[in-house]
Amino acid sequence: MANIKSTTIRFDNDVLELIHKQANLDGQSTTEYMRNAVLEKLEDSLDYQDAVDNIRASNGHTVSRKNAKKQLGLEK
């Protein structure tokens, strides 16, 4: 089993109420909603850093969308 830890996040009452309402609309518990929001933000940040690293490694060389599709065999 994974080593799972917990943390506490503090929100103003009005913000917390919005979180509860949105979680309910999405059919999730508040905990699930907040966990998913944090994981999505983390994934976005990691994707962004990966893109920055790739651009640096390519010395700024880029490929057009059309050429990328050709290279991937998605376009003739």
PDB file of N, CA and C in Angstrom:
ATOM      1  N   MET A   1       0.845  -1.182   0.000  1.00  0.00           N
ATOM      2  CA  MET A   1       0.000   0.000   0.000  1.00  0.00           C
ATOM      3  C   MET A   1       0.885   1.238   0.000  1.00  0.00           C
ATOM      4  N   ALA A   2       0.429   2.288  -0.677  1.00  0.00           N
ATOM      5  CA  ALA A   2       1.191   3.535  -0.768  1.00  0.00           C
ATOM      6  C   ALA A   2       1.255   4.228   0.583  1.00  0.00           C
ATOM      7  N   ASN A   3       2.303   4.980   0.761  1.00  0.00           N
ATOM      8  CA  ASN A   3       2.465   5.777   1.971  1.00  0.00           C
ATOM      9  C   ASN A   3       1.675   7.065   1.775  1.00  0.00           C
ATOM     10  N   ILE A   4       0.512   7.153   2.366  1.00  0.00           N
ATOM     11  CA  ILE A   4      -0.388   8.290   2.168  1.00  0.00           C
ATOM     12  C   ILE A   4      -0.352   9.181   3.393  1.00  0.00           C
ATOM     13  N   LYS A   5      -0.204  10.476   3.126  1.00  0.00           N
ATOM     14  CA  LYS A   5      -0.204  11.468   4.201  1.00  0.00           C
ATOM     15  C   LYS A   5      -1.321  12.466   3.926  1.00  0.00           C
ATOM     16  N   SER A   6      -1.660  13.231   4.916  1.00  0.00           N
ATOM     17  CA  SER A   6      -2.699  14.248   4.744  1.00  0.00           C
ATOM     18  C   SER A   6      -2.135  15.612   5.091  1.00  0.00           C
ATOM     19  N   THR A   7      -2.844  16.626   4.656  1.00  0.00           N
ATOM     20  CA  THR A   7      -2.471  18.002   4.958  1.00  0.00           C
ATOM     21  C   THR A   7      -3.744  18.801   5.192  1.00  0.00           C
ATOM     22  N   THR A   8      -3.596  19.981   5.708  1.00  0.00           N
ATOM     23  CA  THR A   8      -4.738  20.845   5.966  1.00  0.00           C
ATOM     24  C   THR A   8      -4.637  22.075   5.082  1.00  0.00           C
ATOM     25  N   ILE A   9      -5.754  22.436   4.472  1.00  0.00           N
ATOM     26  CA  ILE A   9      -5.832  23.656   3.661  1.00  0.00           C
ATOM     27  C   ILE A   9      -6.905  24.530   4.278  1.00  0.00           C
ATOM     28  N   ARG A  10      -6.600  25.784   4.447  1.00  0.00           N
ATOM     29  CA  ARG A  10      -7.556  26.715   5.037  1.00  0.00           C
ATOM     30  C   ARG A  10      -8.107  27.645   3.954  1.00  0.00           C
ATOM     31  N   PHE A  11      -9.435  27.810   3.943  1.00  0.00           N
ATOM     32  CA  PHE A  11     -10.121  28.694   3.005  1.00  0.00           C
ATOM     33  C   PHE A  11     -11.073  29.586   3.776  1.00  0.00           C
ATOM     34  N   ASP A  12     -11.324  30.756   3.228  1.00  0.00           N
ATOM     35  CA  ASP A  12     -12.405  31.581   3.765  1.00  0.00           C
ATOM     36  C   ASP A  12     -13.708  30.821   3.558  1.00  0.00           C
ATOM     37  N   ASN A  13     -14.705  31.078   4.398  1.00  0.00           N
ATOM     38  CA  ASN A  13     -15.981  30.362   4.317  1.00  0.00           C
ATOM     39  C   ASN A  13     -16.638  30.475   2.944  1.00  0.00           C
ATOM     40  N   ASP A  14     -16.587  31.677   2.329  1.00  0.00           N
ATOM     41  CA  ASP A  14     -17.234  31.844   1.031  1.00  0.00           C
ATOM     42  C   ASP A  14     -16.553  31.005  -0.051  1.00  0.00           C
ATOM     43  N   VAL A  15     -15.234  30.924  -0.022  1.00  0.00           N
ATOM     44  CA  VAL A  15     -14.507  30.107  -0.985  1.00  0.00           C
ATOM     45  C   VAL A  15     -14.786  28.628  -0.747  1.00  0.00           C
ATOM     46  N   LEU A  16     -14.787  28.217   0.495  1.00  0.00           N
ATOM     47  CA  LEU A  16     -15.057  26.818   0.813  1.00  0.00           C
ATOM     48  C   LEU A  16     -16.464  26.412   0.379  1.00  0.00           C
ATOM     49  N   GLU A  17     -17.420  27.307   0.550  1.00  0.00           N
ATOM     50  CA  GLU A  17     -18.786  27.017   0.105  1.00  0.00           C
ATOM     51  C   GLU A  17     -18.831  26.835  -1.414  1.00  0.00           C
ATOM     52  N   LEU A  18     -18.090  27.664  -2.154  1.00  0.00           N
ATOM     53  CA  LEU A  18     -18.031  27.496  -3.617  1.00  0.00           C
ATOM     54  C   LEU A  18     -17.404  26.154  -3.991  1.00  0.00           C
ATOM     55  N   ILE A  19     -16.378  25.762  -3.267  1.00  0.00           N
ATOM     56  CA  ILE A  19     -15.739  24.472  -3.522  1.00  0.00           C
ATOM     57  C   ILE A  19     -16.721  23.332  -3.262  1.00  0.00           C
ATOM     58  N   HIS A  20     -17.440  23.400  -2.152  1.00  0.00           N
ATOM     59  CA  HIS A  20     -18.450  22.365  -1.843  1.00  0.00           C
ATOM     60  C   HIS A  20     -19.504  22.284  -2.950  1.00  0.00           C
ATOM     61  N   LYS A  21     -19.996  23.439  -3.387  1.00  0.00           N
ATOM     62  CA  LYS A  21     -21.026  23.460  -4.431  1.00  0.00           C
ATOM     63  C   LYS A  21     -20.509  22.881  -5.741  1.00  0.00           C
ATOM     64  N   GLN A  22     -19.300  23.265  -6.123  1.00  0.00           N
ATOM     65  CA  GLN A  22     -18.749  22.764  -7.386  1.00  0.00           C
ATOM     66  C   GLN A  22     -18.468  21.274  -7.312  1.00  0.00           C
ATOM     67  N   ALA A  23     -17.954  20.810  -6.192  1.00  0.00           N
ATOM     68  CA  ALA A  23     -17.719  19.378  -6.015  1.00  0.00           C
ATOM     69  C   ALA A  23     -19.025  18.610  -6.140  1.00  0.00           C
ATOM     70  N   ASN A  24     -20.067  19.135  -5.520  1.00  0.00           N
ATOM     71  CA  ASN A  24     -21.378  18.500  -5.585  1.00  0.00           C
ATOM     72  C   ASN A  24     -21.889  18.459  -7.025  1.00  0.00           C
ATOM     73  N   LEU A  25     -21.737  19.565  -7.745  1.00  0.00           N
ATOM     74  CA  LEU A  25     -22.163  19.605  -9.148  1.00  0.00           C
ATOM     75  C   LEU A  25     -21.399  18.587  -9.991  1.00  0.00           C
ATOM     76  N   ASP A  26     -20.136  18.384  -9.667  1.00  0.00           N
ATOM     77  CA  ASP A  26     -19.302  17.440 -10.405  1.00  0.00           C
ATOM     78  C   ASP A  26     -19.478  16.000  -9.927  1.00  0.00           C
ATOM     79  N   GLY A  27     -20.306  15.801  -8.900  1.00  0.00           N
ATOM     80  CA  GLY A  27     -20.538  14.456  -8.387  1.00  0.00           C
ATOM     81  C   GLY A  27     -19.356  13.894  -7.623  1.00  0.00           C
ATOM     82  N   GLN A  28     -18.592  14.775  -6.989  1.00  0.00           N
ATOM     83  CA  GLN A  28     -17.421  14.351  -6.243  1.00  0.00           C
ATOM     84  C   GLN A  28     -17.545  14.811  -4.797  1.00  0.00           C
ATOM     85  N   SER A  29     -16.813  14.140  -3.946  1.00  0.00           N
ATOM     86  CA  SER A  29     -16.704  14.656  -2.586  1.00  0.00           C
ATOM     87  C   SER A  29     -15.804  15.890  -2.648  1.00  0.00           C
ATOM     88  N   THR A  30     -15.863  16.694  -1.611  1.00  0.00           N
ATOM     89  CA  THR A  30     -15.002  17.877  -1.558  1.00  0.00           C
ATOM     90  C   THR A  30     -13.535  17.464  -1.580  1.00  0.00           C
ATOM     91  N   THR A  31     -13.203  16.402  -0.874  1.00  0.00           N
ATOM     92  CA  THR A  31     -11.823  15.908  -0.856  1.00  0.00           C
ATOM     93  C   THR A  31     -11.373  15.491  -2.247  1.00  0.00           C
ATOM     94  N   GLU A  32     -12.204  14.720  -2.955  1.00  0.00           N
ATOM     95  CA  GLU A  32     -11.866  14.300  -4.323  1.00  0.00           C
ATOM     96  C   GLU A  32     -11.669  15.508  -5.227  1.00  0.00           C
ATOM     97  N   TYR A  33     -12.576  16.465  -5.111  1.00  0.00           N
ATOM     98  CA  TYR A  33     -12.521  17.657  -5.950  1.00  0.00           C
ATOM     99  C   TYR A  33     -11.214  18.415  -5.727  1.00  0.00           C
ATOM    100  N   MET A  34     -10.854  18.644  -4.480  1.00  0.00           N
ATOM    101  CA  MET A  34      -9.629  19.382  -4.178  1.00  0.00           C
ATOM    102  C   MET A  34      -8.392  18.585  -4.579  1.00  0.00           C
ATOM    103  N   ARG A  35      -8.395  17.280  -4.334  1.00  0.00           N
ATOM    104  CA  ARG A  35      -7.260  16.438  -4.729  1.00  0.00           C
ATOM    105  C   ARG A  35      -7.074  16.492  -6.243  1.00  0.00           C
ATOM    106  N   ASN A  36      -8.173  16.349  -6.982  1.00  0.00           N
ATOM    107  CA  ASN A  36      -8.090  16.389  -8.443  1.00  0.00           C
ATOM    108  C   ASN A  36      -7.616  17.753  -8.949  1.00  0.00           C
ATOM    109  N   ALA A  37      -8.063  18.820  -8.310  1.00  0.00           N
ATOM    110  CA  ALA A  37      -7.635  20.161  -8.707  1.00  0.00           C
ATOM    111  C   ALA A  37      -6.135  20.325  -8.514  1.00  0.00           C
ATOM    112  N   VAL A  38      -5.618  19.850  -7.399  1.00  0.00           N
ATOM    113  CA  VAL A  38      -4.182  19.950  -7.127  1.00  0.00           C
ATOM    114  C   VAL A  38      -3.400  19.090  -8.114  1.00  0.00           C
ATOM    115  N   LEU A  39      -3.869  17.866  -8.365  1.00  0.00           N
ATOM    116  CA  LEU A  39      -3.169  16.982  -9.299  1.00  0.00           C
ATOM    117  C   LEU A  39      -3.171  17.536 -10.717  1.00  0.00           C
ATOM    118  N   GLU A  40      -4.284  18.141 -11.141  1.00  0.00           N
ATOM    119  CA  GLU A  40      -4.339  18.769 -12.469  1.00  0.00           C
ATOM    120  C   GLU A  40      -3.355  19.927 -12.570  1.00  0.00           C
ATOM    121  N   LYS A  41      -3.288  20.748 -11.537  1.00  0.00           N
ATOM    122  CA  LYS A  41      -2.348  21.866 -11.520  1.00  0.00           C
ATOM    123  C   LYS A  41      -0.917  21.353 -11.557  1.00  0.00           C
ATOM    124  N   LEU A  42      -0.628  20.320 -10.801  1.00  0.00           N
ATOM    125  CA  LEU A  42       0.704  19.729 -10.787  1.00  0.00           C
ATOM    126  C   LEU A  42       1.064  19.187 -12.169  1.00  0.00           C
ATOM    127  N   GLU A  43       0.139  18.472 -12.799  1.00  0.00           N
ATOM    128  CA  GLU A  43       0.383  17.933 -14.133  1.00  0.00           C
ATOM    129  C   GLU A  43       0.628  19.050 -15.145  1.00  0.00           C
ATOM    130  N   ASP A  44      -0.159  20.121 -15.075  1.00  0.00           N
ATOM    131  CA  ASP A  44       0.043  21.267 -15.967  1.00  0.00           C
ATOM    132  C   ASP A  44       1.423  21.873 -15.769  1.00  0.00           C
ATOM    133  N   SER A  45       1.836  22.030 -14.526  1.00  0.00           N
ATOM    134  CA  SER A  45       3.146  22.609 -14.236  1.00  0.00           C
ATOM    135  C   SER A  45       4.274  21.712 -14.745  1.00  0.00           C
ATOM    136  N   LEU A  46       4.131  20.409 -14.555  1.00  0.00           N
ATOM    137  CA  LEU A  46       5.149  19.482 -15.041  1.00  0.00           C
ATOM    138  C   LEU A  46       5.202  19.464 -16.565  1.00  0.00           C
ATOM    139  N   ASP A  47       4.035  19.511 -17.221  1.00  0.00           N
ATOM    140  CA  ASP A  47       3.990  19.572 -18.683  1.00  0.00           C
ATOM    141  C   ASP A  47       4.656  20.844 -19.193  1.00  0.00           C
ATOM    142  N   TYR A  48       4.383  21.961 -18.527  1.00  0.00           N
ATOM    143  CA  TYR A  48       4.981  23.228 -18.918  1.00  0.00           C
ATOM    144  C   TYR A  48       6.500  23.161 -18.778  1.00  0.00           C
ATOM    145  N   GLN A  49       6.979  22.641 -17.652  1.00  0.00           N
ATOM    146  CA  GLN A  49       8.419  22.550 -17.454  1.00  0.00           C
ATOM    147  C   GLN A  49       9.056  21.629 -18.479  1.00  0.00           C
ATOM    148  N   ASP A  50       8.373  20.544 -18.829  1.00  0.00           N
ATOM    149  CA  ASP A  50       8.870  19.619 -19.847  1.00  0.00           C
ATOM    150  C   ASP A  50       8.983  20.338 -21.190  1.00  0.00           C
ATOM    151  N   ALA A  51       7.990  21.153 -21.521  1.00  0.00           N
ATOM    152  CA  ALA A  51       8.018  21.907 -22.779  1.00  0.00           C
ATOM    153  C   ALA A  51       9.174  22.903 -22.781  1.00  0.00           C
ATOM    154  N   VAL A  52       9.368  23.601 -21.679  1.00  0.00           N
ATOM    155  CA  VAL A  52      10.480  24.557 -21.578  1.00  0.00           C
ATOM    156  C   VAL A  52      11.815  23.828 -21.744  1.00  0.00           C
ATOM    157  N   ASP A  53      11.965  22.688 -21.086  1.00  0.00           N
ATOM    158  CA  ASP A  53      13.195  21.905 -21.195  1.00  0.00           C
ATOM    159  C   ASP A  53      13.434  21.456 -22.634  1.00  0.00           C
ATOM    160  N   ASN A  54      12.369  21.033 -23.327  1.00  0.00           N
ATOM    161  CA  ASN A  54      12.504  20.589 -24.717  1.00  0.00           C
ATOM    162  C   ASN A  54      12.888  21.734 -25.637  1.00  0.00           C
ATOM    163  N   ILE A  55      12.323  22.915 -25.410  1.00  0.00           N
ATOM    164  CA  ILE A  55      12.669  24.073 -26.232  1.00  0.00           C
ATOM    165  C   ILE A  55      14.131  24.443 -26.002  1.00  0.00           C
ATOM    166  N   ARG A  56      14.554  24.422 -24.751  1.00  0.00           N
ATOM    167  CA  ARG A  56      15.962  24.726 -24.454  1.00  0.00           C
ATOM    168  C   ARG A  56      16.890  23.699 -25.124  1.00  0.00           C
ATOM    169  N   ALA A  57      16.521  22.426 -25.056  1.00  0.00           N
ATOM    170  CA  ALA A  57      17.348  21.365 -25.637  1.00  0.00           C
ATOM    171  C   ALA A  57      17.420  21.480 -27.156  1.00  0.00           C
ATOM    172  N   SER A  58      16.384  22.057 -27.768  1.00  0.00           N
ATOM    173  CA  SER A  58      16.362  22.191 -29.229  1.00  0.00           C
ATOM    174  C   SER A  58      16.998  23.498 -29.689  1.00  0.00           C
ATOM    175  N   ASN A  59      17.535  24.277 -28.720  1.00  0.00           N
ATOM    176  CA  ASN A  59      18.117  25.586 -29.035  1.00  0.00           C
ATOM    177  C   ASN A  59      17.128  26.486 -29.759  1.00  0.00           C
ATOM    178  N   GLY A  60      15.865  26.346 -29.437  1.00  0.00           N
ATOM    179  CA  GLY A  60      14.831  27.200 -30.012  1.00  0.00           C
ATOM    180  C   GLY A  60      14.311  26.734 -31.360  1.00  0.00           C
ATOM    181  N   HIS A  61      14.865  25.630 -31.879  1.00  0.00           N
ATOM    182  CA  HIS A  61      14.394  25.113 -33.174  1.00  0.00           C
ATOM    183  C   HIS A  61      13.004  24.525 -33.004  1.00  0.00           C
ATOM    184  N   THR A  62      12.088  24.963 -33.826  1.00  0.00           N
ATOM    185  CA  THR A  62      10.720  24.460 -33.753  1.00  0.00           C
ATOM    186  C   THR A  62      10.307  23.866 -35.101  1.00  0.00           C
ATOM    187  N   VAL A  63       9.229  23.132 -35.094  1.00  0.00           N
ATOM    188  CA  VAL A  63       8.676  22.515 -36.294  1.00  0.00           C
ATOM    189  C   VAL A  63       7.233  22.975 -36.415  1.00  0.00           C
ATOM    190  N   SER A  64       6.819  23.299 -37.632  1.00  0.00           N
ATOM    191  CA  SER A  64       5.435  23.720 -37.833  1.00  0.00           C
ATOM    192  C   SER A  64       4.498  22.553 -37.555  1.00  0.00           C
ATOM    193  N   ARG A  65       3.260  22.876 -37.286  1.00  0.00           N
ATOM    194  CA  ARG A  65       2.264  21.830 -37.028  1.00  0.00           C
ATOM    195  C   ARG A  65       2.153  20.906 -38.231  1.00  0.00           C
ATOM    196  N   LYS A  66       2.163  21.485 -39.420  1.00  0.00           N
ATOM    197  CA  LYS A  66       2.049  20.688 -40.641  1.00  0.00           C
ATOM    198  C   LYS A  66       3.210  19.708 -40.755  1.00  0.00           C
ATOM    199  N   ASN A  67       4.443  20.174 -40.516  1.00  0.00           N
ATOM    200  CA  ASN A  67       5.609  19.291 -40.588  1.00  0.00           C
ATOM    201  C   ASN A  67       5.595  18.239 -39.480  1.00  0.00           C
ATOM    202  N   ALA A  68       5.131  18.614 -38.310  1.00  0.00           N
ATOM    203  CA  ALA A  68       5.042  17.640 -37.218  1.00  0.00           C
ATOM    204  C   ALA A  68       4.071  16.526 -37.581  1.00  0.00           C
ATOM    205  N   LYS A  69       2.925  16.903 -38.154  1.00  0.00           N
ATOM    206  CA  LYS A  69       1.948  15.884 -38.569  1.00  0.00           C
ATOM    207  C   LYS A  69       2.533  14.975 -39.643  1.00  0.00           C
ATOM    208  N   LYS A  70       3.315  15.562 -40.575  1.00  0.00           N
ATOM    209  CA  LYS A  70       3.971  14.746 -41.597  1.00  0.00           C
ATOM    210  C   LYS A  70       4.942  13.765 -40.968  1.00  0.00           C
ATOM    211  N   GLN A  71       5.768  14.255 -40.030  1.00  0.00           N
ATOM    212  CA  GLN A  71       6.759  13.409 -39.369  1.00  0.00           C
ATOM    213  C   GLN A  71       6.110  12.265 -38.598  1.00  0.00           C
ATOM    214  N   LEU A  72       4.909  12.504 -38.079  1.00  0.00           N
ATOM    215  CA  LEU A  72       4.187  11.482 -37.320  1.00  0.00           C
ATOM    216  C   LEU A  72       3.332  10.587 -38.211  1.00  0.00           C
ATOM    217  N   GLY A  73       3.340  10.870 -39.518  1.00  0.00           N
ATOM    218  CA  GLY A  73       2.562  10.076 -40.455  1.00  0.00           C
ATOM    219  C   GLY A  73       1.070  10.367 -40.395  1.00  0.00           C
ATOM    220  N   LEU A  74       0.711  11.531 -39.901  1.00  0.00           N
ATOM    221  CA  LEU A  74      -0.696  11.888 -39.782  1.00  0.00           C
ATOM    222  C   LEU A  74      -1.196  12.698 -40.983  1.00  0.00           C
ATOM    223  N   GLU A  75      -0.260  13.113 -41.812  1.00  0.00           N
ATOM    224  CA  GLU A  75      -0.608  13.912 -42.991  1.00  0.00           C
ATOM    225  C   GLU A  75       0.372  13.579 -44.102  1.00  0.00           C
ATOM    226  N   LYS A  76      -0.139  13.598 -45.305  1.00  0.00           N
ATOM    227  CA  LYS A  76       0.736  13.295 -46.460  1.00  0.00           C
ATOM    228  C   LYS A  76       1.375  14.543 -46.988  1.00  0.00           C
TER     229      LYS A  76
END
